Amino acid sequence: MESQGRDEVKGPVLHIVVVGFHHKKGCQVEFSYPPLIPDEGHDSNLLPEEWKYLPFLALPDGAHNYQEDTVYFHLPPLSGDMKCVYGVSCYRQIEAKALKVRQADVTRETVQKSVCVLSRVPLYGLLQAKLQLITHAYFEEKDFSQISILKELYEHMNGSLRGSSLEGSQVYLGLSPRDLILHFQHKVLILFKLILLEKKVLFYVSPVNRLVGALMTVLSLFPGVIEHGLVDSSHYKPKSSVSDDMSVVETPSRTSPESSESDWETLDPSVLEEAAPKEAAGGGPELQDAFDSTAGTPITVQPLGVGGQGGVTQGLVSGLEEDQYGLPLAIFTKGYLCLPYMALQQHHLLSDVSIRGFVAGATNILFRQQRHLSDAIIDVEEARVQIQDPELRRILSLTTADLRFADYLVKHVTENRDDVFLDGTGWEGGDEWIRAQFTLYLHSLLSSALQQDNERLLADYGVPFVGAWKNTHNFRIWFSNKHPGMTTITPGERNKKIGNAMITTSRSMVQTGKAVGQSVGGALTSAKSAMSSWFSTLAQPAPVTTTSDPEPATEVKP
């Protein structure tokens, strides 16, 4: 209780950290405020054992190839704490000859550093907007020994963010489902289903800001996951702390040679079904046995509000903050990790038997080459979903109703891509609208799973998929408790398929969605204005106060 009281006093930001690249020691912490280890100095290089990968996450592999970059990453909780620590890092490099004060350990032509925020709250885009401005000012000083501005940043962020609610306009800042749909098209629904199945999903692209943007945007399609569903998403042990019998597993032999190079590039589900033997592992006859043969009726979803969120309460079984529909689903719990960016030093986590799955991002080619360690590799650059196991491809085959839903999304996004709301905050075809459609899709899927004699209902989602999903941890947790909001989601007429049901969103959702969508567009401006006002009040030396025109915060795009 005492520590909880101290946490409330300290606010949402735990530490401001500077990570630099030392020509002999590599990536290392150069400054932290407050110190990462109590009783150590601000300039101590020491780290808590649980955070030993922090330098490699904040200063990513291959960073020297880019003038600047942004990283989102997750750290495990420290001993005695139970919640994920959310990290945002802004990287820059500067020519050594431009420095006003050149320290003795600067021996290379360029100096590479990252300024990062370690936070209790998943406000990635908002933290990034503030951090990019301060990083620019810190580099403009051209004297990295001037750390007072970083201490001021800690106080300012805690003052401005204390009491901030985790609502969409702040949580989703910089995450654009519109861009995701335009790039991945119908495959976004495949990504959605992959994560519902709690598979090992690896995103791959450079630079890091594009990687974490794509990955977190996919997660933003799951109602409540970013706000309340990631608190248990980073429970892992550093390699030196993992016992020998739990650190590494042998290379699986389940992948056949002929399927190892196959990319999923088809809209037609039948193409995938032909290559999938029914007896393959993880599916087959058991999936059919789980359903009654009698027919049901499709679902029309009637939401109550913007996303049916309403209030949230502590889930009795999941332990997460849940809404009346039991969302977010308990996907990122019990050893299923969310690591927006993984350093090469964390590679062993992919084969750790204590980790049952992951949604992770990587830029190093070695991750991509180790195909056997992932169920799916998402090539963000090429918008490819590479799945090795033919049985998993069969389970994830998009049904006719799925394709109709995906086409409906793509149609509205592409028709409105030149809309007056160029920032994606317009309602129909906008970011909030897309999230609302996935909320409706998930509500409908959950409601269908509750119906008796529901095989024909579930056929809209794929009977093999639903059978596999019912064996996941997140479904079992959700199904083990009653959720009052589900009683308001009722089956509709037989001819209203999933895709058409999306058009029938309630008026309250439309109106609220417009307001929320437009507030997202103003959130970045608000964050930058607050930082600019703060800059003007700082009693800093002249070089710092000349940053009235800092570089604008780059939107994170997939």
Foldseek 3Di string as FASTA:
>chain_A
DVVVVVDLVLFFWDKKWKWWQFPPPGIFTQAIVVDQDPPDDRRDRDHDQQCPCVRCQQCDDPNVVDQKDKGWWWTQDDPPDQFIKIKIKIKHKDAQVPAPDRDPRPDDRMIIMIIMITGRAQQHQLRLQLRQLLVLLCVLNSYVVPCVSVVVVSVLCRVVCNPPAPDDLRNCQLAFVLLVCVQQQLCLVLVLLCLLLLFAEEEEDDDLLQLLSNLVNSVLLQPPCNGKQATAAHPDGQQVPDDPVFQADDQDPLFDPVQLPDWDDDLDLVVLVVPADQPRPPGHPVLVVVADPFADFAFFFEADAQLVAPAWDQQPQLRITGGLLRPPQNSSHQQEHETSEDHPSCLSSLGGNSHPHYYYYYHDCVSVVSSSSGQWYQHSVNSIIRGRHSNVSSLSRQDPLSSLQSVLLSVQLVVCCVPPPVVQLAATNGRSVSSNLSSRVVLRCVLLVPDHNRPNNCVNGPSRSVSSSCPDPRNVSSVVDHRVVSVNGDGDDRPCGSNNSSVVYDPNNRVVSSVSSVSSVCSSVVSNVSSLVVLCPDPDPDSSNVVNPRDGRDRRHD
